[in-house]
Amino acid sequence: MKAVAMLATLGAISLAASAPGAPPNPGPGFSSVSNLGPAWSPDGKRIAFTTYAYGRAQIAAIDVSGRRVVRLTNDAFSDFQPRFRRDGTLVFSGQDAGVDFVATLDRSGRTVKLPLPGSGADLSPDGKRIVYQVRDEQIPQYQLWVAKADGGNARMLVTNANQDDPHPRWSPDGERIAYVAGANTEFRTIHVIGADDGNDRALTSGGHEWQPAWSPDGRRIAYAEGPFTVPNYS
């Protein structure tokens, strides 16, 4: 599989302090196989991530030194794909008895499920809206929905996103959403759609592009390229 970038082990590297070639320290008891989906905290001091170190998927955080790992969720169901709000609390996706949902982790460490039956949630830069994906088993295909951060006023934005993982991501200005389109797992392209006007356009046409990521200025999008294989993290 060819990709733009790969995170070999989950950790943080200080460019000023690390020796050349020094590997990141993922913390005791953690391996590159069991950790994925890192997300920086707003203050840049922590990285939240999904870990299988506790058995089922849960959310943990590591400090930038790579020395301290803290478990953030301890649920009887699976938690994954964390995203920080501006206030430092988390939004993440979960699955309970095969049912997808979007949840938040409040300051007391309590998981609160939102009335959003989906996954792959991403927060708008101002923290006021969430984009998430809902699988339509009749097609089967994912739809993209946008809602308020508390789960209210949900509306469908895209009816036929990629059937495996649309990977929606807000632009830095909060006006657009990049996502993966394609009728099946063999054909994927990157699209950008207006969050309010629904103006949708394709950015790529190669058929093997996925996992878009915006540049900080919103002028460019990086993406992985190559045949997609669903990794096995069990």
C-alpha atoms as a PDB file:
ATOM      1  CA  MET A   1       0.000   0.000   0.000  1.00  0.00           C
ATOM      2  CA  LYS A   2       1.359   3.391  -0.992  1.00  0.00           C
ATOM      3  CA  ALA A   3       0.540   6.298   1.297  1.00  0.00           C
ATOM      4  CA  VAL A   4       1.507   9.915   1.756  1.00  0.00           C
ATOM      5  CA  ALA A   5       2.515   9.380   5.370  1.00  0.00           C
ATOM      6  CA  MET A   6       2.553   6.634   7.939  1.00  0.00           C
ATOM      7  CA  LEU A   7       2.687   6.882  11.717  1.00  0.00           C
ATOM      8  CA  ALA A   8       4.887   3.961  12.718  1.00  0.00           C
ATOM      9  CA  THR A   9       4.518   4.296  16.461  1.00  0.00           C
ATOM     10  CA  LEU A  10       2.215   6.550  18.405  1.00  0.00           C
ATOM     11  CA  GLY A  11       4.132   9.252  20.211  1.00  0.00           C
ATOM     12  CA  ALA A  12       5.325  12.811  19.966  1.00  0.00           C
ATOM     13  CA  ILE A  13       8.670  14.065  18.704  1.00  0.00           C
ATOM     14  CA  SER A  14      10.035  17.449  19.744  1.00  0.00           C
ATOM     15  CA  LEU A  15      11.964  18.699  16.728  1.00  0.00           C
ATOM     16  CA  ALA A  16      14.045  20.967  18.909  1.00  0.00           C
ATOM     17  CA  ALA A  17      14.932  18.451  21.601  1.00  0.00           C
ATOM     18  CA  SER A  18      15.101  15.046  19.916  1.00  0.00           C
ATOM     19  CA  ALA A  19      18.333  13.652  18.604  1.00  0.00           C
ATOM     20  CA  PRO A  20      18.364  12.948  14.848  1.00  0.00           C
ATOM     21  CA  GLY A  21      16.714   9.633  14.158  1.00  0.00           C
ATOM     22  CA  ALA A  22      15.467   9.214  17.736  1.00  0.00           C
ATOM     23  CA  PRO A  23      12.223   7.192  17.684  1.00  0.00           C
ATOM     24  CA  PRO A  24       9.144   8.402  19.576  1.00  0.00           C
ATOM     25  CA  ASN A  25       8.312   6.692  22.850  1.00  0.00           C
ATOM     26  CA  PRO A  26       4.720   5.395  22.782  1.00  0.00           C
ATOM     27  CA  GLY A  27       4.698   4.699  26.504  1.00  0.00           C
ATOM     28  CA  PRO A  28       4.939   1.506  28.552  1.00  0.00           C
ATOM     29  CA  GLY A  29       2.758  -1.377  27.403  1.00  0.00           C
ATOM     30  CA  PHE A  30       1.846   0.268  24.095  1.00  0.00           C
ATOM     31  CA  SER A  31       2.869  -0.926  20.659  1.00  0.00           C
ATOM     32  CA  SER A  32       2.482   0.391  17.129  1.00  0.00           C
ATOM     33  CA  VAL A  33      -0.051  -2.338  16.411  1.00  0.00           C
ATOM     34  CA  SER A  34      -2.518  -1.369  19.118  1.00  0.00           C
ATOM     35  CA  ASN A  35      -2.678   2.424  18.695  1.00  0.00           C
ATOM     36  CA  LEU A  36      -4.117   4.576  15.915  1.00  0.00           C
ATOM     37  CA  GLY A  37      -5.991   7.775  15.029  1.00  0.00           C
ATOM     38  CA  PRO A  38      -3.969  10.436  16.928  1.00  0.00           C
ATOM     39  CA  ALA A  39      -5.504  13.874  17.583  1.00  0.00           C
ATOM     40  CA  TRP A  40      -3.701  16.877  19.112  1.00  0.00           C
ATOM     41  CA  SER A  41      -5.212  18.735  22.063  1.00  0.00           C
ATOM     42  CA  PRO A  42      -5.871  22.476  21.551  1.00  0.00           C
ATOM     43  CA  ASP A  43      -2.995  23.423  23.870  1.00  0.00           C
ATOM     44  CA  GLY A  44      -0.583  21.095  22.061  1.00  0.00           C
ATOM     45  CA  LYS A  45       0.327  19.262  25.268  1.00  0.00           C
ATOM     46  CA  ARG A  46      -1.433  15.936  24.674  1.00  0.00           C
ATOM     47  CA  ILE A  47      -2.360  13.539  21.900  1.00  0.00           C
ATOM     48  CA  ALA A  48      -5.557  11.518  22.203  1.00  0.00           C
ATOM     49  CA  PHE A  49      -5.746   8.233  20.327  1.00  0.00           C
ATOM     50  CA  THR A  50      -7.596   4.960  19.979  1.00  0.00           C
ATOM     51  CA  THR A  51      -5.899   2.060  21.710  1.00  0.00           C
ATOM     52  CA  TYR A  52      -6.503  -1.673  21.878  1.00  0.00           C
ATOM     53  CA  ALA A  53      -4.112  -2.030  24.814  1.00  0.00           C
ATOM     54  CA  TYR A  54      -7.079  -2.583  27.149  1.00  0.00           C
ATOM     55  CA  GLY A  55      -8.761  -5.238  25.009  1.00  0.00           C
ATOM     56  CA  ARG A  56     -11.626  -3.488  23.231  1.00  0.00           C
ATOM     57  CA  ALA A  57     -11.035  -0.119  21.552  1.00  0.00           C
ATOM     58  CA  GLN A  58     -10.825   2.722  24.072  1.00  0.00           C
ATOM     59  CA  ILE A  59      -9.534   6.318  24.133  1.00  0.00           C
ATOM     60  CA  ALA A  60      -6.264   7.256  25.829  1.00  0.00           C
ATOM     61  CA  ALA A  61      -3.956  10.274  25.765  1.00  0.00           C
ATOM     62  CA  ILE A  62      -0.186  10.642  25.836  1.00  0.00           C
ATOM     63  CA  ASP A  63       1.762  13.762  26.774  1.00  0.00           C
ATOM     64  CA  VAL A  64       4.189  15.283  24.295  1.00  0.00           C
ATOM     65  CA  SER A  65       7.174  13.856  26.152  1.00  0.00           C
ATOM     66  CA  GLY A  66       5.874  10.376  25.370  1.00  0.00           C
ATOM     67  CA  ARG A  67       6.330   9.352  29.002  1.00  0.00           C
ATOM     68  CA  ARG A  68       2.806   9.459  30.437  1.00  0.00           C
ATOM     69  CA  VAL A  69      -0.261   7.691  29.068  1.00  0.00           C
ATOM     70  CA  VAL A  70      -3.687   8.243  30.638  1.00  0.00           C
ATOM     71  CA  ARG A  71      -6.741   6.145  29.869  1.00  0.00           C
ATOM     72  CA  LEU A  72      -9.661   8.485  29.122  1.00  0.00           C
ATOM     73  CA  THR A  73     -12.556   6.074  28.541  1.00  0.00           C
ATOM     74  CA  ASN A  74     -13.429   2.882  30.361  1.00  0.00           C
ATOM     75  CA  ASP A  75     -16.631   1.809  28.649  1.00  0.00           C
ATOM     76  CA  ALA A  76     -18.255  -1.575  28.121  1.00  0.00           C
ATOM     77  CA  PHE A  77     -18.427  -0.708  24.412  1.00  0.00           C
ATOM     78  CA  SER A  78     -15.841   0.340  21.814  1.00  0.00           C
ATOM     79  CA  ASP A  79     -14.638   3.956  21.586  1.00  0.00           C
ATOM     80  CA  PHE A  80     -12.566   5.333  18.714  1.00  0.00           C
ATOM     81  CA  GLN A  81     -11.737   8.322  16.472  1.00  0.00           C
ATOM     82  CA  PRO A  82     -11.267  11.021  19.160  1.00  0.00           C
ATOM     83  CA  ARG A  83     -11.425  14.719  18.290  1.00  0.00           C
ATOM     84  CA  PHE A  84     -10.741  17.568  20.725  1.00  0.00           C
ATOM     85  CA  ARG A  85     -13.072  20.486  21.241  1.00  0.00           C
ATOM     86  CA  ARG A  86     -11.604  23.922  21.839  1.00  0.00           C
ATOM     87  CA  ASP A  87     -12.321  23.599  25.570  1.00  0.00           C
ATOM     88  CA  GLY A  88     -10.267  20.395  25.751  1.00  0.00           C
ATOM     89  CA  THR A  89     -13.180  17.977  26.004  1.00  0.00           C
ATOM     90  CA  LEU A  90     -13.512  15.171  23.459  1.00  0.00           C
ATOM     91  CA  VAL A  91     -15.925  14.085  20.773  1.00  0.00           C
ATOM     92  CA  PHE A  92     -15.520  10.515  19.557  1.00  0.00           C
ATOM     93  CA  SER A  93     -17.291   7.668  17.814  1.00  0.00           C
ATOM     94  CA  GLY A  94     -18.379   4.450  19.429  1.00  0.00           C
ATOM     95  CA  GLN A  95     -20.095   1.160  18.803  1.00  0.00           C
ATOM     96  CA  ASP A  96     -22.358  -0.683  21.223  1.00  0.00           C
ATOM     97  CA  ALA A  97     -23.795  -4.083  20.256  1.00  0.00           C
ATOM     98  CA  GLY A  98     -23.107  -3.301  16.596  1.00  0.00           C
ATOM     99  CA  VAL A  99     -24.820   0.114  16.702  1.00  0.00           C
ATOM    100  CA  ASP A 100     -22.724   3.193  15.828  1.00  0.00           C
ATOM    101  CA  PHE A 101     -23.046   6.413  17.802  1.00  0.00           C
ATOM    102  CA  VAL A 102     -21.297   9.734  18.450  1.00  0.00           C
ATOM    103  CA  ALA A 103     -20.391  10.648  22.028  1.00  0.00           C
ATOM    104  CA  THR A 104     -18.617  13.259  24.120  1.00  0.00           C
ATOM    105  CA  LEU A 105     -16.335  12.908  27.113  1.00  0.00           C
ATOM    106  CA  ASP A 106     -17.174  15.595  29.652  1.00  0.00           C
ATOM    107  CA  ARG A 107     -14.751  17.104  32.170  1.00  0.00           C
ATOM    108  CA  SER A 108     -15.688  14.526  34.806  1.00  0.00           C
ATOM    109  CA  GLY A 109     -14.607  11.730  32.458  1.00  0.00           C
ATOM    110  CA  ARG A 110     -18.156  10.568  31.780  1.00  0.00           C
ATOM    111  CA  THR A 111     -19.150   9.318  28.317  1.00  0.00           C
ATOM    112  CA  VAL A 112     -22.317  11.020  27.057  1.00  0.00           C
ATOM    113  CA  LYS A 113     -23.948   9.574  23.946  1.00  0.00           C
ATOM    114  CA  LEU A 114     -25.356  12.141  21.509  1.00  0.00           C
ATOM    115  CA  PRO A 115     -28.583  11.455  19.577  1.00  0.00           C
ATOM    116  CA  LEU A 116     -26.533  10.816  16.425  1.00  0.00           C
ATOM    117  CA  PRO A 117     -26.558   7.249  15.024  1.00  0.00           C
ATOM    118  CA  GLY A 118     -23.255   7.448  13.177  1.00  0.00           C
ATOM    119  CA  SER A 119     -19.467   7.351  13.314  1.00  0.00           C
ATOM    120  CA  GLY A 120     -16.387   9.098  11.913  1.00  0.00           C
ATOM    121  CA  ALA A 121     -17.280  12.389  13.607  1.00  0.00           C
ATOM    122  CA  ASP A 122     -15.216  15.537  13.038  1.00  0.00           C
ATOM    123  CA  LEU A 123     -15.708  18.903  14.750  1.00  0.00           C
ATOM    124  CA  SER A 124     -15.888  22.212  12.926  1.00  0.00           C
ATOM    125  CA  PRO A 125     -13.009  24.588  13.822  1.00  0.00           C
ATOM    126  CA  ASP A 126     -15.305  26.768  15.953  1.00  0.00           C
ATOM    127  CA  GLY A 127     -16.583  23.683  17.793  1.00  0.00           C
ATOM    128  CA  LYS A 128     -20.215  24.438  16.994  1.00  0.00           C
ATOM    129  CA  ARG A 129     -20.956  21.704  14.446  1.00  0.00           C
ATOM    130  CA  ILE A 130     -20.215  18.037  13.850  1.00  0.00           C
ATOM    131  CA  VAL A 131     -19.992  16.171  10.571  1.00  0.00           C
ATOM    132  CA  TYR A 132     -20.465  12.418  10.836  1.00  0.00           C
ATOM    133  CA  GLN A 133     -21.201   9.416   8.650  1.00  0.00           C
ATOM    134  CA  VAL A 134     -24.243   7.120   8.702  1.00  0.00           C
ATOM    135  CA  ARG A 135     -24.309   3.830   6.846  1.00  0.00           C
ATOM    136  CA  ASP A 136     -27.341   3.149   4.655  1.00  0.00           C
ATOM    137  CA  GLU A 137     -27.518  -0.648   4.510  1.00  0.00           C
ATOM    138  CA  GLN A 138     -30.064  -0.532   1.688  1.00  0.00           C
ATOM    139  CA  ILE A 139     -27.442   0.624  -0.846  1.00  0.00           C
ATOM    140  CA  PRO A 140     -24.996  -0.044   1.031  1.00  0.00           C
ATOM    141  CA  GLN A 141     -23.334   3.357   1.174  1.00  0.00           C
ATOM    142  CA  TYR A 142     -22.476   6.005   3.734  1.00  0.00           C
ATOM    143  CA  GLN A 143     -24.305   9.302   4.045  1.00  0.00           C
ATOM    144  CA  LEU A 144     -22.730  12.417   5.536  1.00  0.00           C
ATOM    145  CA  TRP A 145     -24.716  14.400   8.084  1.00  0.00           C
ATOM    146  CA  VAL A 146     -24.070  17.737   9.812  1.00  0.00           C
ATOM    147  CA  ALA A 147     -25.479  18.627  13.233  1.00  0.00           C
ATOM    148  CA  LYS A 148     -24.969  21.068  16.078  1.00  0.00           C
ATOM    149  CA  ALA A 149     -22.304  20.058  18.589  1.00  0.00           C
ATOM    150  CA  ASP A 150     -25.003  18.912  21.014  1.00  0.00           C
ATOM    151  CA  GLY A 151     -26.548  16.658  18.355  1.00  0.00           C
ATOM    152  CA  GLY A 152     -29.421  18.967  17.435  1.00  0.00           C
ATOM    153  CA  ASN A 153     -30.618  20.082  13.978  1.00  0.00           C
ATOM    154  CA  ALA A 154     -29.093  17.111  12.144  1.00  0.00           C
ATOM    155  CA  ARG A 155     -29.381  17.237   8.351  1.00  0.00           C
ATOM    156  CA  MET A 156     -28.096  15.088   5.513  1.00  0.00           C
ATOM    157  CA  LEU A 157     -25.360  16.673   3.395  1.00  0.00           C
ATOM    158  CA  VAL A 158     -24.160  13.819   1.141  1.00  0.00           C
ATOM    159  CA  THR A 159     -26.339  10.870   0.148  1.00  0.00           C
ATOM    160  CA  ASN A 160     -23.729   8.588  -1.408  1.00  0.00           C
ATOM    161  CA  ALA A 161     -20.262   8.876   0.133  1.00  0.00           C
ATOM    162  CA  ASN A 162     -17.804   5.983   0.010  1.00  0.00           C
ATOM    163  CA  GLN A 163     -19.198   2.674   1.207  1.00  0.00           C
ATOM    164  CA  ASP A 164     -16.237   1.865   3.464  1.00  0.00           C
ATOM    165  CA  ASP A 165     -14.983   5.081   5.124  1.00  0.00           C
ATOM    166  CA  PRO A 166     -15.845   8.601   3.849  1.00  0.00           C
ATOM    167  CA  HIS A 167     -13.404  10.133   6.378  1.00  0.00           C
ATOM    168  CA  PRO A 168     -15.076  13.606   6.473  1.00  0.00           C
ATOM    169  CA  ARG A 169     -12.837  16.499   7.544  1.00  0.00           C
ATOM    170  CA  TRP A 170     -13.709  20.166   8.085  1.00  0.00           C
ATOM    171  CA  SER A 171     -11.687  22.852   6.339  1.00  0.00           C
ATOM    172  CA  PRO A 172      -9.837  25.309   8.627  1.00  0.00           C
ATOM    173  CA  ASP A 173     -12.374  28.057   7.840  1.00  0.00           C
ATOM    174  CA  GLY A 174     -15.327  25.777   8.656  1.00  0.00           C
ATOM    175  CA  GLU A 175     -16.977  26.384   5.291  1.00  0.00           C
ATOM    176  CA  ARG A 176     -16.129  23.133   3.483  1.00  0.00           C
ATOM    177  CA  ILE A 177     -15.812  19.430   4.170  1.00  0.00           C
ATOM    178  CA  ALA A 178     -13.419  17.086   2.390  1.00  0.00           C
ATOM    179  CA  TYR A 179     -14.481  13.469   2.127  1.00  0.00           C
ATOM    180  CA  VAL A 180     -13.964  10.240   0.202  1.00  0.00           C
ATOM    181  CA  ALA A 181     -16.487   9.399  -2.515  1.00  0.00           C
ATOM    182  CA  GLY A 182     -16.764   6.255  -4.614  1.00  0.00           C
ATOM    183  CA  ALA A 183     -19.291   3.534  -5.249  1.00  0.00           C
ATOM    184  CA  ASN A 184     -17.184   0.748  -3.771  1.00  0.00           C
ATOM    185  CA  THR A 185     -13.940  -0.101  -1.991  1.00  0.00           C
ATOM    186  CA  GLU A 186     -12.090  -0.396  -5.323  1.00  0.00           C
ATOM    187  CA  PHE A 187     -12.794   3.171  -6.494  1.00  0.00           C
ATOM    188  CA  ARG A 188     -12.202   6.180  -4.246  1.00  0.00           C
ATOM    189  CA  THR A 189     -11.856   9.887  -5.008  1.00  0.00           C
ATOM    190  CA  ILE A 190     -11.503  13.008  -2.875  1.00  0.00           C
ATOM    191  CA  HIS A 191     -14.410  15.462  -2.935  1.00  0.00           C
ATOM    192  CA  VAL A 192     -15.009  18.821  -1.258  1.00  0.00           C
ATOM    193  CA  ILE A 193     -18.514  20.014  -0.425  1.00  0.00           C
ATOM    194  CA  GLY A 194     -19.806  23.294   0.976  1.00  0.00           C
ATOM    195  CA  ALA A 195     -21.066  22.730   4.508  1.00  0.00           C
ATOM    196  CA  ASP A 196     -23.970  25.131   3.973  1.00  0.00           C
ATOM    197  CA  ASP A 197     -24.619  25.383   0.232  1.00  0.00           C
ATOM    198  CA  GLY A 198     -23.935  21.719  -0.635  1.00  0.00           C
ATOM    199  CA  ASN A 199     -21.768  22.669  -3.627  1.00  0.00           C
ATOM    200  CA  ASP A 200     -19.876  19.413  -4.297  1.00  0.00           C
ATOM    201  CA  ARG A 201     -16.861  18.950  -6.552  1.00  0.00           C
ATOM    202  CA  ALA A 202     -14.329  16.202  -7.184  1.00  0.00           C
ATOM    203  CA  LEU A 203     -10.658  17.019  -6.589  1.00  0.00           C
ATOM    204  CA  THR A 204      -9.147  13.733  -7.793  1.00  0.00           C
ATOM    205  CA  SER A 205     -10.040  11.154 -10.419  1.00  0.00           C
ATOM    206  CA  GLY A 206      -7.448   8.416 -10.012  1.00  0.00           C
ATOM    207  CA  GLY A 207      -9.732   6.076  -8.121  1.00  0.00           C
ATOM    208  CA  HIS A 208      -7.401   5.195  -5.247  1.00  0.00           C
ATOM    209  CA  GLU A 209      -7.335   8.320  -3.073  1.00  0.00           C
ATOM    210  CA  TRP A 210      -8.457   8.349   0.558  1.00  0.00           C
ATOM    211  CA  GLN A 211      -7.962   9.900   4.041  1.00  0.00           C
ATOM    212  CA  PRO A 212      -7.903  13.624   3.106  1.00  0.00           C
ATOM    213  CA  ALA A 213      -6.200  16.116   5.442  1.00  0.00           C
ATOM    214  CA  TRP A 214      -6.340  19.913   5.082  1.00  0.00           C
ATOM    215  CA  SER A 215      -3.313  22.181   5.199  1.00  0.00           C
ATOM    216  CA  PRO A 216      -3.546  24.801   7.988  1.00  0.00           C
ATOM    217  CA  ASP A 217      -4.311  27.576   5.479  1.00  0.00           C
ATOM    218  CA  GLY A 218      -7.050  25.508   3.783  1.00  0.00           C
ATOM    219  CA  ARG A 219      -5.469  25.862   0.335  1.00  0.00           C
ATOM    220  CA  ARG A 220      -4.235  22.292  -0.064  1.00  0.00           C
ATOM    221  CA  ILE A 221      -5.312  18.762   0.829  1.00  0.00           C
ATOM    222  CA  ALA A 222      -2.978  15.861   1.488  1.00  0.00           C
ATOM    223  CA  TYR A 223      -4.290  12.346   1.002  1.00  0.00           C
ATOM    224  CA  ALA A 224      -3.225   8.724   0.958  1.00  0.00           C
ATOM    225  CA  GLU A 225      -2.999   7.035  -2.426  1.00  0.00           C
ATOM    226  CA  GLY A 226      -3.024   3.382  -3.406  1.00  0.00           C
ATOM    227  CA  PRO A 227      -5.243   0.298  -3.167  1.00  0.00           C
ATOM    228  CA  PHE A 228      -7.001   0.334   0.188  1.00  0.00           C
ATOM    229  CA  THR A 229      -6.854  -2.635   2.518  1.00  0.00           C
ATOM    230  CA  VAL A 230      -8.821  -2.541   5.752  1.00  0.00           C
ATOM    231  CA  PRO A 231      -6.307  -3.140   8.561  1.00  0.00           C
ATOM    232  CA  ASN A 232      -6.963  -5.763  11.192  1.00  0.00           C
ATOM    233  CA  TYR A 233      -6.485  -4.295  14.669  1.00  0.00           C
ATOM    234  CA  SER A 234      -8.087  -7.122  16.633  1.00  0.00           C
END
